[in-house]
PDB file of all heavy atoms in Angstrom:
ATOM      1  N   LEU A   1     154.718 119.357  36.960  1.00  0.00           N
ATOM      2  CA  LEU A   1     156.161 119.277  37.154  1.00  0.00           C
ATOM      3  C   LEU A   1     156.549 118.565  38.414  1.00  0.00           C
ATOM      4  O   LEU A   1     157.345 117.575  38.443  1.00  0.00           O
ATOM      5  CB  LEU A   1     156.794 120.666  37.134  1.00  0.00           C
ATOM      6  CG  LEU A   1     158.271 120.792  37.533  1.00  0.00           C
ATOM      7  CD1 LEU A   1     159.164 120.015  36.633  1.00  0.00           C
ATOM      8  CD2 LEU A   1     158.641 122.236  37.625  1.00  0.00           C
ATOM      9  N   ARG A   2     155.980 118.949  39.559  1.00  0.00           N
ATOM     10  CA  ARG A   2     156.258 118.304  40.791  1.00  0.00           C
ATOM     11  C   ARG A   2     155.899 116.843  40.837  1.00  0.00           C
ATOM     12  O   ARG A   2     156.704 115.965  41.249  1.00  0.00           O
ATOM     13  CB  ARG A   2     155.602 119.024  41.971  1.00  0.00           C
ATOM     14  CG  ARG A   2     155.944 118.416  43.358  1.00  0.00           C
ATOM     15  CD  ARG A   2     155.257 119.033  44.471  1.00  0.00           C
ATOM     16  NE  ARG A   2     153.889 118.654  44.480  1.00  0.00           N
ATOM     17  CZ  ARG A   2     152.853 119.174  45.105  1.00  0.00           C
ATOM     18  NH1 ARG A   2     153.113 120.121  45.985  1.00  0.00           N
ATOM     19  NH2 ARG A   2     151.687 118.748  45.085  1.00  0.00           N
ATOM     20  N   GLU A   3     154.721 116.503  40.302  1.00  0.00           N
ATOM     21  CA  GLU A   3     154.269 115.157  40.294  1.00  0.00           C
ATOM     22  C   GLU A   3     155.221 114.222  39.382  1.00  0.00           C
ATOM     23  O   GLU A   3     155.571 113.129  39.783  1.00  0.00           O
ATOM     24  CB  GLU A   3     152.851 115.035  39.699  1.00  0.00           C
ATOM     25  CG  GLU A   3     152.283 113.639  39.679  1.00  0.00           C
ATOM     26  CD  GLU A   3     150.859 113.570  39.176  1.00  0.00           C
ATOM     27  OE1 GLU A   3     150.162 114.599  39.354  1.00  0.00           O
ATOM     28  OE2 GLU A   3     150.463 112.567  38.568  1.00  0.00           O
ATOM     29  N   LYS A   4     155.640 114.825  38.250  1.00  0.00           N
ATOM     30  CA  LYS A   4     156.506 113.977  37.409  1.00  0.00           C
ATOM     31  C   LYS A   4     157.916 113.836  38.018  1.00  0.00           C
ATOM     32  O   LYS A   4     158.549 112.792  37.856  1.00  0.00           O
ATOM     33  CB  LYS A   4     156.608 114.630  36.043  1.00  0.00           C
ATOM     34  CG  LYS A   4     155.308 114.366  35.231  1.00  0.00           C
ATOM     35  CD  LYS A   4     155.409 114.849  33.833  1.00  0.00           C
ATOM     36  CE  LYS A   4     154.077 114.433  33.100  1.00  0.00           C
ATOM     37  NZ  LYS A   4     153.793 115.162  31.967  1.00  0.00           N
ATOM     38  N   ILE A   5     158.380 114.814  38.725  1.00  0.00           N
ATOM     39  CA  ILE A   5     159.679 114.750  39.433  1.00  0.00           C
ATOM     40  C   ILE A   5     159.514 113.655  40.446  1.00  0.00           C
ATOM     41  O   ILE A   5     160.376 112.729  40.553  1.00  0.00           O
ATOM     42  CB  ILE A   5     160.043 116.038  40.069  1.00  0.00           C
ATOM     43  CG1 ILE A   5     160.425 117.116  39.042  1.00  0.00           C
ATOM     44  CG2 ILE A   5     161.199 115.856  41.063  1.00  0.00           C
ATOM     45  CD1 ILE A   5     160.579 118.527  39.586  1.00  0.00           C
ATOM     46  N   GLU A   6     158.467 113.691  41.258  1.00  0.00           N
ATOM     47  CA  GLU A   6     158.284 112.726  42.278  1.00  0.00           C
ATOM     48  C   GLU A   6     158.113 111.299  41.755  1.00  0.00           C
ATOM     49  O   GLU A   6     158.728 110.316  42.215  1.00  0.00           O
ATOM     50  CB  GLU A   6     157.055 113.000  43.177  1.00  0.00           C
ATOM     51  CG  GLU A   6     157.249 114.193  44.073  1.00  0.00           C
ATOM     52  CD  GLU A   6     156.084 114.587  44.938  1.00  0.00           C
ATOM     53  OE1 GLU A   6     155.005 113.929  44.816  1.00  0.00           O
ATOM     54  OE2 GLU A   6     156.179 115.544  45.720  1.00  0.00           O
ATOM     55  N   ASP A   7     157.301 111.191  40.617  1.00  0.00           N
ATOM     56  CA  ASP A   7     157.082 109.871  40.029  1.00  0.00           C
ATOM     57  C   ASP A   7     158.434 109.269  39.525  1.00  0.00           C
ATOM     58  O   ASP A   7     158.648 108.068  39.675  1.00  0.00           O
ATOM     59  CB  ASP A   7     156.129 109.980  38.858  1.00  0.00           C
ATOM     60  CG  ASP A   7     154.723 110.182  39.340  1.00  0.00           C
ATOM     61  OD1 ASP A   7     154.424 110.039  40.597  1.00  0.00           O
ATOM     62  OD2 ASP A   7     153.773 110.510  38.541  1.00  0.00           O
ATOM     63  N   GLU A   8     159.274 110.113  38.912  1.00  0.00           N
ATOM     64  CA  GLU A   8     160.553 109.618  38.428  1.00  0.00           C
ATOM     65  C   GLU A   8     161.439 109.191  39.586  1.00  0.00           C
ATOM     66  O   GLU A   8     162.064 108.182  39.502  1.00  0.00           O
ATOM     67  CB  GLU A   8     161.229 110.738  37.603  1.00  0.00           C
ATOM     68  CG  GLU A   8     162.563 110.347  37.012  1.00  0.00           C
ATOM     69  CD  GLU A   8     163.155 111.495  36.201  1.00  0.00           C
ATOM     70  OE1 GLU A   8     162.511 112.153  35.465  1.00  0.00           O
ATOM     71  OE2 GLU A   8     164.425 111.600  36.309  1.00  0.00           O
ATOM     72  N   LEU A   9     161.540 109.999  40.613  1.00  0.00           N
ATOM     73  CA  LEU A   9     162.336 109.615  41.774  1.00  0.00           C
ATOM     74  C   LEU A   9     161.889 108.318  42.389  1.00  0.00           C
ATOM     75  O   LEU A   9     162.573 107.442  42.771  1.00  0.00           O
ATOM     76  CB  LEU A   9     162.313 110.745  42.787  1.00  0.00           C
ATOM     77  CG  LEU A   9     163.115 112.004  42.462  1.00  0.00           C
ATOM     78  CD1 LEU A   9     162.834 113.117  43.460  1.00  0.00           C
ATOM     79  CD2 LEU A   9     164.653 111.728  42.488  1.00  0.00           C
ATOM     80  N   VAL A  10     160.479 108.197  42.513  1.00  0.00           N
ATOM     81  CA  VAL A  10     159.953 106.991  43.170  1.00  0.00           C
ATOM     82  C   VAL A  10     160.219 105.734  42.253  1.00  0.00           C
ATOM     83  O   VAL A  10     160.623 104.696  42.785  1.00  0.00           O
ATOM     84  CB  VAL A  10     158.439 107.190  43.393  1.00  0.00           C
ATOM     85  CG1 VAL A  10     157.719 105.827  43.726  1.00  0.00           C
ATOM     86  CG2 VAL A  10     158.163 108.225  44.509  1.00  0.00           C
ATOM     87  N   HIS A  11     160.054 105.899  40.973  1.00  0.00           N
ATOM     88  CA  HIS A  11     160.288 104.768  40.031  1.00  0.00           C
ATOM     89  C   HIS A  11     161.758 104.365  40.197  1.00  0.00           C
ATOM     90  O   HIS A  11     162.004 103.161  40.317  1.00  0.00           O
ATOM     91  CB  HIS A  11     160.015 105.262  38.619  1.00  0.00           C
ATOM     92  CG  HIS A  11     160.368 104.230  37.613  1.00  0.00           C
ATOM     93  ND1 HIS A  11     161.611 104.193  36.967  1.00  0.00           N
ATOM     94  CD2 HIS A  11     159.653 103.159  37.132  1.00  0.00           C
ATOM     95  CE1 HIS A  11     161.651 103.127  36.140  1.00  0.00           C
ATOM     96  NE2 HIS A  11     160.490 102.502  36.244  1.00  0.00           N
ATOM     97  N   ASP A  12     162.702 105.295  40.138  1.00  0.00           N
ATOM     98  CA  ASP A  12     164.089 104.901  40.315  1.00  0.00           C
ATOM     99  C   ASP A  12     164.419 104.266  41.666  1.00  0.00           C
ATOM    100  O   ASP A  12     165.180 103.356  41.781  1.00  0.00           O
ATOM    101  CB  ASP A  12     164.983 106.159  40.046  1.00  0.00           C
ATOM    102  CG  ASP A  12     164.942 106.663  38.613  1.00  0.00           C
ATOM    103  OD1 ASP A  12     164.405 105.888  37.721  1.00  0.00           O
ATOM    104  OD2 ASP A  12     165.399 107.791  38.393  1.00  0.00           O
ATOM    105  N   PHE A  13     163.845 104.878  42.768  1.00  0.00           N
ATOM    106  CA  PHE A  13     164.023 104.334  44.103  1.00  0.00           C
ATOM    107  C   PHE A  13     163.421 102.891  44.185  1.00  0.00           C
ATOM    108  O   PHE A  13     164.056 102.030  44.753  1.00  0.00           O
ATOM    109  CB  PHE A  13     163.404 105.278  45.105  1.00  0.00           C
ATOM    110  CG  PHE A  13     163.659 104.977  46.476  1.00  0.00           C
ATOM    111  CD1 PHE A  13     164.945 105.144  46.980  1.00  0.00           C
ATOM    112  CD2 PHE A  13     162.672 104.476  47.384  1.00  0.00           C
ATOM    113  CE1 PHE A  13     165.242 104.879  48.384  1.00  0.00           C
ATOM    114  CE2 PHE A  13     162.943 104.220  48.697  1.00  0.00           C
ATOM    115  CZ  PHE A  13     164.210 104.427  49.213  1.00  0.00           C
ATOM    116  N   GLU A  14     162.287 102.737  43.590  1.00  0.00           N
ATOM    117  CA  GLU A  14     161.634 101.422  43.641  1.00  0.00           C
ATOM    118  C   GLU A  14     162.469 100.317  42.929  1.00  0.00           C
ATOM    119  O   GLU A  14     162.558  99.248  43.423  1.00  0.00           O
ATOM    120  CB  GLU A  14     160.213 101.558  42.966  1.00  0.00           C
ATOM    121  CG  GLU A  14     159.312 100.314  43.245  1.00  0.00           C
ATOM    122  CD  GLU A  14     157.888 100.629  42.813  1.00  0.00           C
ATOM    123  OE1 GLU A  14     157.686 101.472  41.927  1.00  0.00           O
ATOM    124  OE2 GLU A  14     157.025 100.018  43.405  1.00  0.00           O
ATOM    125  N   GLU A  15     163.005 100.716  41.735  1.00  0.00           N
ATOM    126  CA  GLU A  15     163.872  99.749  41.025  1.00  0.00           C
ATOM    127  C   GLU A  15     165.032  99.329  41.835  1.00  0.00           C
ATOM    128  O   GLU A  15     165.443  98.195  41.900  1.00  0.00           O
ATOM    129  CB  GLU A  15     164.299 100.398  39.698  1.00  0.00           C
ATOM    130  CG  GLU A  15     163.273 100.269  38.599  1.00  0.00           C
ATOM    131  CD  GLU A  15     163.884 100.687  37.209  1.00  0.00           C
ATOM    132  OE1 GLU A  15     164.984 101.258  37.173  1.00  0.00           O
ATOM    133  OE2 GLU A  15     163.186 100.422  36.269  1.00  0.00           O
ATOM    134  N   LEU A  16     165.635 100.294  42.502  1.00  0.00           N
ATOM    135  CA  LEU A  16     166.817 100.078  43.376  1.00  0.00           C
ATOM    136  C   LEU A  16     166.465  99.159  44.513  1.00  0.00           C
ATOM    137  O   LEU A  16     167.106  98.146  44.762  1.00  0.00           O
ATOM    138  CB  LEU A  16     167.280 101.438  43.908  1.00  0.00           C
ATOM    139  CG  LEU A  16     168.557 101.419  44.673  1.00  0.00           C
ATOM    140  CD1 LEU A  16     169.267 102.745  44.410  1.00  0.00           C
ATOM    141  CD2 LEU A  16     168.315 101.327  46.191  1.00  0.00           C
ATOM    142  N   ILE A  17     165.388  99.421  45.213  1.00  0.00           N
ATOM    143  CA  ILE A  17     164.934  98.639  46.363  1.00  0.00           C
ATOM    144  C   ILE A  17     164.506  97.247  45.933  1.00  0.00           C
ATOM    145  O   ILE A  17     164.850  96.268  46.634  1.00  0.00           O
ATOM    146  CB  ILE A  17     163.755  99.326  47.143  1.00  0.00           C
ATOM    147  CG1 ILE A  17     164.182 100.726  47.649  1.00  0.00           C
ATOM    148  CG2 ILE A  17     163.223  98.453  48.239  1.00  0.00           C
ATOM    149  CD1 ILE A  17     165.311 100.664  48.644  1.00  0.00           C
ATOM    150  N   SER A  18     163.865  97.131  44.826  1.00  0.00           N
ATOM    151  CA  SER A  18     163.416  95.768  44.434  1.00  0.00           C
ATOM    152  C   SER A  18     164.517  94.886  44.010  1.00  0.00           C
ATOM    153  O   SER A  18     164.328  93.634  43.932  1.00  0.00           O
ATOM    154  CB  SER A  18     162.376  95.921  43.220  1.00  0.00           C
ATOM    155  OG  SER A  18     163.027  96.397  42.065  1.00  0.00           O
ATOM    156  N   SER A  19     165.744  95.393  43.795  1.00  0.00           N
ATOM    157  CA  SER A  19     166.894  94.534  43.487  1.00  0.00           C
ATOM    158  C   SER A  19     167.347  93.713  44.702  1.00  0.00           C
ATOM    159  O   SER A  19     168.113  92.741  44.542  1.00  0.00           O
ATOM    160  CB  SER A  19     167.974  95.393  42.892  1.00  0.00           C
ATOM    161  OG  SER A  19     168.585  96.206  43.965  1.00  0.00           O
ATOM    162  N   TYR A  20     166.889  94.050  45.886  1.00  0.00           N
ATOM    163  CA  TYR A  20     167.383  93.395  47.117  1.00  0.00           C
ATOM    164  C   TYR A  20     166.652  92.025  47.232  1.00  0.00           C
ATOM    165  O   TYR A  20     165.409  91.970  47.325  1.00  0.00           O
ATOM    166  CB  TYR A  20     167.130  94.252  48.285  1.00  0.00           C
ATOM    167  CG  TYR A  20     167.458  93.597  49.637  1.00  0.00           C
ATOM    168  CD1 TYR A  20     168.768  93.079  49.848  1.00  0.00           C
ATOM    169  CD2 TYR A  20     166.526  93.514  50.622  1.00  0.00           C
ATOM    170  CE1 TYR A  20     169.081  92.482  51.102  1.00  0.00           C
ATOM    171  CE2 TYR A  20     166.852  92.952  51.875  1.00  0.00           C
ATOM    172  CZ  TYR A  20     168.163  92.441  52.080  1.00  0.00           C
ATOM    173  OH  TYR A  20     168.487  91.859  53.257  1.00  0.00           O
ATOM    174  N   GLN A  21     167.424  90.997  47.192  1.00  0.00           N
ATOM    175  CA  GLN A  21     166.889  89.631  47.295  1.00  0.00           C
ATOM    176  C   GLN A  21     167.628  88.873  48.398  1.00  0.00           C
ATOM    177  O   GLN A  21     168.602  88.175  48.117  1.00  0.00           O
ATOM    178  CB  GLN A  21     167.049  88.908  45.888  1.00  0.00           C
ATOM    179  CG  GLN A  21     166.362  89.556  44.729  1.00  0.00           C
ATOM    180  CD  GLN A  21     164.826  89.487  44.901  1.00  0.00           C
ATOM    181  OE1 GLN A  21     164.302  88.581  45.409  1.00  0.00           O
ATOM    182  NE2 GLN A  21     164.243  90.572  44.406  1.00  0.00           N
ATOM    183  N   PRO A  22     167.164  89.031  49.639  1.00  0.00           N
ATOM    184  CA  PRO A  22     167.917  88.284  50.720  1.00  0.00           C
ATOM    185  C   PRO A  22     167.583  86.830  50.723  1.00  0.00           C
ATOM    186  O   PRO A  22     166.626  86.352  50.152  1.00  0.00           O
ATOM    187  CB  PRO A  22     167.322  88.955  51.982  1.00  0.00           C
ATOM    188  CG  PRO A  22     165.955  89.301  51.586  1.00  0.00           C
ATOM    189  CD  PRO A  22     166.053  89.757  50.139  1.00  0.00           C
ATOM    190  N   THR A  23     168.503  86.070  51.338  1.00  0.00           N
ATOM    191  CA  THR A  23     168.272  84.670  51.554  1.00  0.00           C
ATOM    192  C   THR A  23     168.370  84.365  53.054  1.00  0.00           C
ATOM    193  O   THR A  23     168.789  85.244  53.812  1.00  0.00           O
ATOM    194  CB  THR A  23     169.310  83.806  50.874  1.00  0.00           C
ATOM    195  OG1 THR A  23     170.608  84.108  51.453  1.00  0.00           O
ATOM    196  CG2 THR A  23     169.300  84.125  49.330  1.00  0.00           C
ATOM    197  N   GLN A  24     168.012  83.236  53.514  1.00  0.00           N
ATOM    198  CA  GLN A  24     168.117  82.845  54.873  1.00  0.00           C
ATOM    199  C   GLN A  24     169.514  82.934  55.335  1.00  0.00           C
ATOM    200  O   GLN A  24     169.791  83.296  56.499  1.00  0.00           O
ATOM    201  CB  GLN A  24     167.504  81.419  55.164  1.00  0.00           C
ATOM    202  CG  GLN A  24     166.024  81.335  54.977  1.00  0.00           C
ATOM    203  CD  GLN A  24     165.243  82.058  56.032  1.00  0.00           C
ATOM    204  OE1 GLN A  24     165.767  82.455  57.044  1.00  0.00           O
ATOM    205  NE2 GLN A  24     163.935  82.222  55.747  1.00  0.00           N
ATOM    206  N   GLU A  25     170.476  82.596  54.485  1.00  0.00           N
ATOM    207  CA  GLU A  25     171.876  82.620  54.815  1.00  0.00           C
ATOM    208  C   GLU A  25     172.450  84.024  54.823  1.00  0.00           C
ATOM    209  O   GLU A  25     173.410  84.347  55.566  1.00  0.00           O
ATOM    210  CB  GLU A  25     172.725  81.733  53.837  1.00  0.00           C
ATOM    211  CG  GLU A  25     172.258  80.270  53.783  1.00  0.00           C
ATOM    212  CD  GLU A  25     171.017  80.016  52.966  1.00  0.00           C
ATOM    213  OE1 GLU A  25     170.789  80.652  51.999  1.00  0.00           O
ATOM    214  OE2 GLU A  25     170.248  79.144  53.470  1.00  0.00           O
ATOM    215  N   ASN A  26     171.929  84.861  53.933  1.00  0.00           N
ATOM    216  CA  ASN A  26     172.482  86.190  53.768  1.00  0.00           C
ATOM    217  C   ASN A  26     171.362  87.232  53.761  1.00  0.00           C
ATOM    218  O   ASN A  26     170.753  87.566  52.741  1.00  0.00           O
ATOM    219  CB  ASN A  26     173.362  86.379  52.481  1.00  0.00           C
ATOM    220  CG  ASN A  26     173.922  87.765  52.344  1.00  0.00           C
ATOM    221  OD1 ASN A  26     174.009  88.539  53.302  1.00  0.00           O
ATOM    222  ND2 ASN A  26     174.293  88.110  51.160  1.00  0.00           N
ATOM    223  N   TYR A  27     170.998  87.733  54.945  1.00  0.00           N
ATOM    224  CA  TYR A  27     169.879  88.624  55.057  1.00  0.00           C
ATOM    225  C   TYR A  27     170.356  90.058  55.205  1.00  0.00           C
ATOM    226  O   TYR A  27     169.552  90.964  55.521  1.00  0.00           O
ATOM    227  CB  TYR A  27     168.912  88.200  56.172  1.00  0.00           C
ATOM    228  CG  TYR A  27     169.682  87.946  57.505  1.00  0.00           C
ATOM    229  CD1 TYR A  27     170.092  89.042  58.309  1.00  0.00           C
ATOM    230  CD2 TYR A  27     169.972  86.687  57.876  1.00  0.00           C
ATOM    231  CE1 TYR A  27     170.767  88.780  59.463  1.00  0.00           C
ATOM    232  CE2 TYR A  27     170.649  86.474  59.020  1.00  0.00           C
ATOM    233  CZ  TYR A  27     171.041  87.482  59.829  1.00  0.00           C
ATOM    234  OH  TYR A  27     171.778  87.271  60.982  1.00  0.00           O
ATOM    235  N   SER A  28     171.629  90.394  55.127  1.00  0.00           N
ATOM    236  CA  SER A  28     172.124  91.682  55.298  1.00  0.00           C
ATOM    237  C   SER A  28     171.550  92.636  54.261  1.00  0.00           C
ATOM    238  O   SER A  28     171.515  92.365  53.091  1.00  0.00           O
ATOM    239  CB  SER A  28     173.634  91.689  55.235  1.00  0.00           C
ATOM    240  OG  SER A  28     174.089  93.055  55.251  1.00  0.00           O
ATOM    241  N   ALA A  29     171.096  93.772  54.760  1.00  0.00           N
ATOM    242  CA  ALA A  29     170.494  94.788  53.915  1.00  0.00           C
ATOM    243  C   ALA A  29     171.491  95.834  53.503  1.00  0.00           C
ATOM    244  O   ALA A  29     171.145  96.839  52.873  1.00  0.00           O
ATOM    245  CB  ALA A  29     169.260  95.386  54.532  1.00  0.00           C
ATOM    246  N   LYS A  30     172.728  95.675  53.947  1.00  0.00           N
ATOM    247  CA  LYS A  30     173.734  96.730  53.805  1.00  0.00           C
ATOM    248  C   LYS A  30     173.920  97.212  52.335  1.00  0.00           C
ATOM    249  O   LYS A  30     173.932  98.409  52.051  1.00  0.00           O
ATOM    250  CB  LYS A  30     175.056  96.285  54.395  1.00  0.00           C
ATOM    251  CG  LYS A  30     176.043  97.478  54.395  1.00  0.00           C
ATOM    252  CD  LYS A  30     177.186  97.243  55.324  1.00  0.00           C
ATOM    253  CE  LYS A  30     178.011  98.536  55.500  1.00  0.00           C
ATOM    254  NZ  LYS A  30     178.884  98.467  56.582  1.00  0.00           N
ATOM    255  N   SER A  31     174.002  96.294  51.397  1.00  0.00           N
ATOM    256  CA  SER A  31     174.227  96.729  50.013  1.00  0.00           C
ATOM    257  C   SER A  31     173.074  97.527  49.486  1.00  0.00           C
ATOM    258  O   SER A  31     173.299  98.544  48.812  1.00  0.00           O
ATOM    259  CB  SER A  31     174.486  95.520  49.123  1.00  0.00           C
ATOM    260  OG  SER A  31     173.283  94.675  49.018  1.00  0.00           O
ATOM    261  N   VAL A  32     171.849  97.153  49.756  1.00  0.00           N
ATOM    262  CA  VAL A  32     170.732  97.934  49.236  1.00  0.00           C
ATOM    263  C   VAL A  32     170.563  99.244  50.033  1.00  0.00           C
ATOM    264  O   VAL A  32     170.160 100.268  49.435  1.00  0.00           O
ATOM    265  CB  VAL A  32     169.406  97.080  49.227  1.00  0.00           C
ATOM    266  CG1 VAL A  32     168.805  96.915  50.670  1.00  0.00           C
ATOM    267  CG2 VAL A  32     168.372  97.792  48.315  1.00  0.00           C
ATOM    268  N   VAL A  33     170.924  99.226  51.315  1.00  0.00           N
ATOM    269  CA  VAL A  33     170.854 100.487  52.054  1.00  0.00           C
ATOM    270  C   VAL A  33     171.933 101.451  51.528  1.00  0.00           C
ATOM    271  O   VAL A  33     171.665 102.652  51.340  1.00  0.00           O
ATOM    272  CB  VAL A  33     171.111 100.242  53.570  1.00  0.00           C
ATOM    273  CG1 VAL A  33     171.240 101.523  54.371  1.00  0.00           C
ATOM    274  CG2 VAL A  33     169.913  99.401  54.141  1.00  0.00           C
ATOM    275  N   GLU A  34     173.098 100.949  51.237  1.00  0.00           N
ATOM    276  CA  GLU A  34     174.140 101.808  50.607  1.00  0.00           C
ATOM    277  C   GLU A  34     173.644 102.411  49.352  1.00  0.00           C
ATOM    278  O   GLU A  34     173.872 103.610  49.037  1.00  0.00           O
ATOM    279  CB  GLU A  34     175.467 100.958  50.370  1.00  0.00           C
ATOM    280  CG  GLU A  34     176.258 100.674  51.537  1.00  0.00           C
ATOM    281  CD  GLU A  34     177.435  99.769  51.257  1.00  0.00           C
ATOM    282  OE1 GLU A  34     177.378  98.961  50.392  1.00  0.00           O
ATOM    283  OE2 GLU A  34     178.368  99.816  52.049  1.00  0.00           O
ATOM    284  N   GLN A  35     173.036 101.621  48.510  1.00  0.00           N
ATOM    285  CA  GLN A  35     172.561 102.078  47.234  1.00  0.00           C
ATOM    286  C   GLN A  35     171.412 103.135  47.445  1.00  0.00           C
ATOM    287  O   GLN A  35     171.397 104.156  46.762  1.00  0.00           O
ATOM    288  CB  GLN A  35     172.000 100.913  46.339  1.00  0.00           C
ATOM    289  CG  GLN A  35     173.062  99.991  45.825  1.00  0.00           C
ATOM    290  CD  GLN A  35     172.373  98.783  45.159  1.00  0.00           C
ATOM    291  OE1 GLN A  35     171.225  98.797  44.759  1.00  0.00           O
ATOM    292  NE2 GLN A  35     173.208  97.760  45.024  1.00  0.00           N
ATOM    293  N   ALA A  36     170.524 102.887  48.395  1.00  0.00           N
ATOM    294  CA  ALA A  36     169.427 103.792  48.668  1.00  0.00           C
ATOM    295  C   ALA A  36     169.991 105.192  49.181  1.00  0.00           C
ATOM    296  O   ALA A  36     169.561 106.209  48.736  1.00  0.00           O
ATOM    297  CB  ALA A  36     168.438 103.217  49.651  1.00  0.00           C
ATOM    298  N   VAL A  37     170.930 105.096  50.126  1.00  0.00           N
ATOM    299  CA  VAL A  37     171.511 106.344  50.610  1.00  0.00           C
ATOM    300  C   VAL A  37     172.243 107.058  49.624  1.00  0.00           C
ATOM    301  O   VAL A  37     172.166 108.267  49.500  1.00  0.00           O
ATOM    302  CB  VAL A  37     172.422 106.040  51.948  1.00  0.00           C
ATOM    303  CG1 VAL A  37     173.189 107.203  52.351  1.00  0.00           C
ATOM    304  CG2 VAL A  37     171.515 105.540  53.064  1.00  0.00           C
ATOM    305  N   SER A  38     173.006 106.336  48.798  1.00  0.00           N
ATOM    306  CA  SER A  38     173.755 106.991  47.667  1.00  0.00           C
ATOM    307  C   SER A  38     172.800 107.663  46.686  1.00  0.00           C
ATOM    308  O   SER A  38     173.084 108.768  46.207  1.00  0.00           O
ATOM    309  CB  SER A  38     174.571 105.928  46.940  1.00  0.00           C
ATOM    310  OG  SER A  38     175.285 106.477  45.843  1.00  0.00           O
ATOM    311  N   PHE A  39     171.708 107.014  46.396  1.00  0.00           N
ATOM    312  CA  PHE A  39     170.657 107.530  45.522  1.00  0.00           C
ATOM    313  C   PHE A  39     170.145 108.829  46.059  1.00  0.00           C
ATOM    314  O   PHE A  39     170.020 109.867  45.367  1.00  0.00           O
ATOM    315  CB  PHE A  39     169.529 106.523  45.326  1.00  0.00           C
ATOM    316  CG  PHE A  39     168.349 107.017  44.557  1.00  0.00           C
ATOM    317  CD1 PHE A  39     168.358 107.013  43.151  1.00  0.00           C
ATOM    318  CD2 PHE A  39     167.231 107.516  45.190  1.00  0.00           C
ATOM    319  CE1 PHE A  39     167.279 107.522  42.508  1.00  0.00           C
ATOM    320  CE2 PHE A  39     166.132 107.985  44.556  1.00  0.00           C
ATOM    321  CZ  PHE A  39     166.159 107.992  43.125  1.00  0.00           C
ATOM    322  N   VAL A  40     169.806 108.850  47.373  1.00  0.00           N
ATOM    323  CA  VAL A  40     169.266 110.058  48.020  1.00  0.00           C
ATOM    324  C   VAL A  40     170.343 111.121  48.086  1.00  0.00           C
ATOM    325  O   VAL A  40     170.042 112.290  47.799  1.00  0.00           O
ATOM    326  CB  VAL A  40     168.678 109.687  49.338  1.00  0.00           C
ATOM    327  CG1 VAL A  40     168.328 110.976  50.131  1.00  0.00           C
ATOM    328  CG2 VAL A  40     167.435 108.819  49.214  1.00  0.00           C
ATOM    329  N   GLU A  41     171.561 110.723  48.385  1.00  0.00           N
ATOM    330  CA  GLU A  41     172.628 111.682  48.521  1.00  0.00           C
ATOM    331  C   GLU A  41     172.920 112.406  47.209  1.00  0.00           C
ATOM    332  O   GLU A  41     173.231 113.563  47.178  1.00  0.00           O
ATOM    333  CB  GLU A  41     173.877 110.998  49.043  1.00  0.00           C
ATOM    334  CG  GLU A  41     174.956 111.910  49.595  1.00  0.00           C
ATOM    335  CD  GLU A  41     175.952 111.160  50.465  1.00  0.00           C
ATOM    336  OE1 GLU A  41     176.216 109.957  50.238  1.00  0.00           O
ATOM    337  OE2 GLU A  41     176.486 111.815  51.396  1.00  0.00           O
ATOM    338  N   GLU A  42     172.861 111.695  46.062  1.00  0.00           N
ATOM    339  CA  GLU A  42     173.112 112.275  44.771  1.00  0.00           C
ATOM    340  C   GLU A  42     172.152 113.363  44.453  1.00  0.00           C
ATOM    341  O   GLU A  42     172.463 114.305  43.719  1.00  0.00           O
ATOM    342  CB  GLU A  42     173.011 111.246  43.664  1.00  0.00           C
ATOM    343  CG  GLU A  42     174.243 110.277  43.623  1.00  0.00           C
ATOM    344  CD  GLU A  42     173.990 109.139  42.657  1.00  0.00           C
ATOM    345  OE1 GLU A  42     173.028 109.145  41.874  1.00  0.00           O
ATOM    346  OE2 GLU A  42     174.761 108.146  42.720  1.00  0.00           O
ATOM    347  N   GLN A  43     170.935 113.369  45.055  1.00  0.00           N
ATOM    348  CA  GLN A  43     169.897 114.317  44.788  1.00  0.00           C
ATOM    349  C   GLN A  43     169.392 114.936  46.102  1.00  0.00           C
ATOM    350  O   GLN A  43     168.231 115.194  46.257  1.00  0.00           O
ATOM    351  CB  GLN A  43     168.756 113.661  44.038  1.00  0.00           C
ATOM    352  CG  GLN A  43     169.243 113.017  42.764  1.00  0.00           C
ATOM    353  CD  GLN A  43     168.182 112.199  42.024  1.00  0.00           C
ATOM    354  OE1 GLN A  43     167.394 112.822  41.375  1.00  0.00           O
ATOM    355  NE2 GLN A  43     168.270 110.867  42.104  1.00  0.00           N
ATOM    356  N   LYS A  44     170.322 115.142  47.014  1.00  0.00           N
ATOM    357  CA  LYS A  44     169.997 115.495  48.384  1.00  0.00           C
ATOM    358  C   LYS A  44     169.184 116.766  48.444  1.00  0.00           C
ATOM    359  O   LYS A  44     168.162 116.764  49.154  1.00  0.00           O
ATOM    360  CB  LYS A  44     171.321 115.658  49.172  1.00  0.00           C
ATOM    361  CG  LYS A  44     171.188 115.701  50.638  1.00  0.00           C
ATOM    362  CD  LYS A  44     172.540 115.686  51.280  1.00  0.00           C
ATOM    363  CE  LYS A  44     172.396 115.509  52.785  1.00  0.00           C
ATOM    364  NZ  LYS A  44     173.680 115.370  53.417  1.00  0.00           N
ATOM    365  N   PHE A  45     169.522 117.806  47.730  1.00  0.00           N
ATOM    366  CA  PHE A  45     168.787 119.049  47.855  1.00  0.00           C
ATOM    367  C   PHE A  45     167.390 118.872  47.354  1.00  0.00           C
ATOM    368  O   PHE A  45     166.404 119.299  48.056  1.00  0.00           O
ATOM    369  CB  PHE A  45     169.470 120.127  46.982  1.00  0.00           C
ATOM    370  CG  PHE A  45     168.786 121.482  47.033  1.00  0.00           C
ATOM    371  CD1 PHE A  45     168.864 122.250  48.169  1.00  0.00           C
ATOM    372  CD2 PHE A  45     168.087 121.994  45.960  1.00  0.00           C
ATOM    373  CE1 PHE A  45     168.213 123.517  48.279  1.00  0.00           C
ATOM    374  CE2 PHE A  45     167.448 123.193  46.032  1.00  0.00           C
ATOM    375  CZ  PHE A  45     167.518 123.950  47.205  1.00  0.00           C
TER     376      PHE A  45
END
């Protein structure tokens, strides 16, 4: 149970993080950080 919970959370977190594609002109990580914090906040406990 614990392993599957962790694997699901990691999979979802990894998908979210992998969506970040910075460029030399726009390297701000704010959008992906907002998504990551929101993801964690939704399942904070």
